[in-house]
């Protein structure tokens, strides 16, 4: 009976491994496709983040404008209140003087 040599067995084993493995091109194509898919996913994620940032900036600008408007309004109300206080004070002083003069 014939027994194959160790070298023959080793070569046969290597041949079997090569035959059973996927071709490198197919693996590379698969990896390229995976990389493209990942790149597209990351681009989409980036675009969404940019859109969210732009919306937040726009909202922030609107809030700043509203805050400036409210500050102007408060300042005007304060001026009016000061004017009313001065007029009421002057009126009370005048009334007091007229009552003292009687």
Protein backbone atom coordinates (compact mmCIF):
# COMPACT_ATOMS: atom_id res chain seq x y z
CA UNK A 1 0.00 0.00 0.00
CA UNK A 2 1.19 3.47 -0.91
CA UNK A 3 1.47 6.19 1.82
CA UNK A 4 1.83 9.77 0.67
CA UNK A 5 4.85 11.67 1.85
CA UNK A 6 4.63 14.47 4.39
CA UNK A 7 5.45 16.98 1.68
CA UNK A 8 2.65 15.64 -0.53
CA UNK A 9 0.20 15.88 2.37
CA UNK A 10 1.30 19.43 3.12
CA UNK A 11 0.87 20.48 -0.51
CA UNK A 12 -2.54 18.82 -0.67
CA UNK A 13 -3.59 20.60 2.51
CA UNK A 14 -2.45 23.97 1.13
CA UNK A 15 -4.32 23.30 -2.12
CA UNK A 16 -7.48 22.47 -0.16
CA UNK A 17 -7.17 25.66 1.91
CA UNK A 18 -6.69 27.80 -1.18
CA UNK A 19 -9.59 26.13 -2.96
CA UNK A 20 -11.91 26.61 0.01
CA UNK A 21 -10.99 30.24 0.63
CA UNK A 22 -12.83 33.08 -1.06
CA UNK A 23 -10.98 34.79 -3.85
CA UNK A 24 -9.19 37.92 -2.66
CA UNK A 25 -10.96 40.06 -5.24
CA UNK A 26 -14.35 38.98 -3.99
CA UNK A 27 -13.32 39.75 -0.42
CA UNK A 28 -11.84 43.08 -1.49
CA UNK A 29 -15.01 43.93 -3.43
CA UNK A 30 -17.07 43.01 -0.39
CA UNK A 31 -14.83 45.14 1.84
CA UNK A 32 -15.03 48.01 -0.65
CA UNK A 33 -18.82 47.76 -0.61
CA UNK A 34 -18.82 47.70 3.19
CA UNK A 35 -16.54 50.74 3.21
CA UNK A 36 -18.79 52.58 0.74
CA UNK A 37 -21.85 51.77 2.82
CA UNK A 38 -20.11 52.98 5.98
CA UNK A 39 -18.97 56.14 4.18
CA UNK A 40 -22.51 56.87 2.98
CA UNK A 41 -23.86 56.27 6.48
CA UNK A 42 -21.28 58.64 7.95
CA UNK A 43 -22.02 61.28 5.31
CA UNK A 44 -25.72 61.06 6.09
CA UNK A 45 -25.00 61.29 9.81
CA UNK A 46 -22.74 64.32 9.20
CA UNK A 47 -25.38 66.04 7.05
CA UNK A 48 -28.03 65.47 9.72
CA UNK A 49 -25.71 66.90 12.38
CA UNK A 50 -25.02 69.96 10.21
CA UNK A 51 -28.75 70.47 9.66
CA UNK A 52 -29.41 70.20 13.40
CA UNK A 53 -26.59 72.65 14.12
CA UNK A 54 -27.92 75.12 11.54
CA UNK A 55 -31.43 74.87 12.99
CA UNK A 56 -30.05 75.41 16.51
CA UNK A 57 -28.07 78.46 15.35
CA UNK A 58 -31.14 79.90 13.64
CA UNK A 59 -33.19 79.32 16.77
CA UNK A 60 -30.46 80.92 18.88
CA UNK A 61 -30.41 84.00 16.63
CA UNK A 62 -34.19 84.33 16.89
CA UNK A 63 -34.01 84.03 20.68
CA UNK A 64 -31.27 86.67 20.86
CA UNK A 65 -33.38 89.02 18.76
CA UNK A 66 -36.40 88.40 20.99
CA UNK A 67 -34.25 89.03 24.08
CA UNK A 68 -33.04 92.37 22.66
CA UNK A 69 -36.65 93.34 21.95
CA UNK A 70 -37.71 92.41 25.48
CA UNK A 71 -34.82 94.41 26.96
CA UNK A 72 -35.87 97.47 24.94
CA UNK A 73 -39.45 97.01 26.10
CA UNK A 74 -38.39 96.73 29.76
CA UNK A 75 -36.25 99.84 29.39
CA UNK A 76 -39.20 101.79 27.96
CA UNK A 77 -41.51 100.56 30.73
CA UNK A 78 -38.92 101.59 33.31
CA UNK A 79 -38.70 105.07 31.78
CA UNK A 80 -42.49 105.38 31.83
CA UNK A 81 -42.64 104.17 35.43
CA UNK A 82 -39.98 106.70 36.47
CA UNK A 83 -41.93 109.46 34.73
CA UNK A 84 -45.18 108.45 36.47
CA UNK A 85 -43.41 108.33 39.86
CA UNK A 86 -41.96 111.82 39.31
CA UNK A 87 -45.36 113.21 38.30
CA UNK A 88 -47.15 111.58 41.25
CA UNK A 89 -44.43 112.82 43.62
CA UNK A 90 -44.70 116.35 42.23
CA UNK A 91 -48.49 116.19 42.48
CA UNK A 92 -48.34 115.02 46.11
CA UNK A 93 -45.82 117.74 46.99
CA UNK A 94 -48.03 120.35 45.37
CA UNK A 95 -51.06 119.03 47.25
CA UNK A 96 -49.11 119.03 50.51
CA UNK A 97 -47.96 122.61 49.93
CA UNK A 98 -51.48 123.74 49.15
CA UNK A 99 -52.79 122.06 52.30
CA UNK A 100 -50.06 123.66 54.42
CA UNK A 101 -50.84 127.05 52.96
CA UNK A 102 -54.42 126.95 54.16
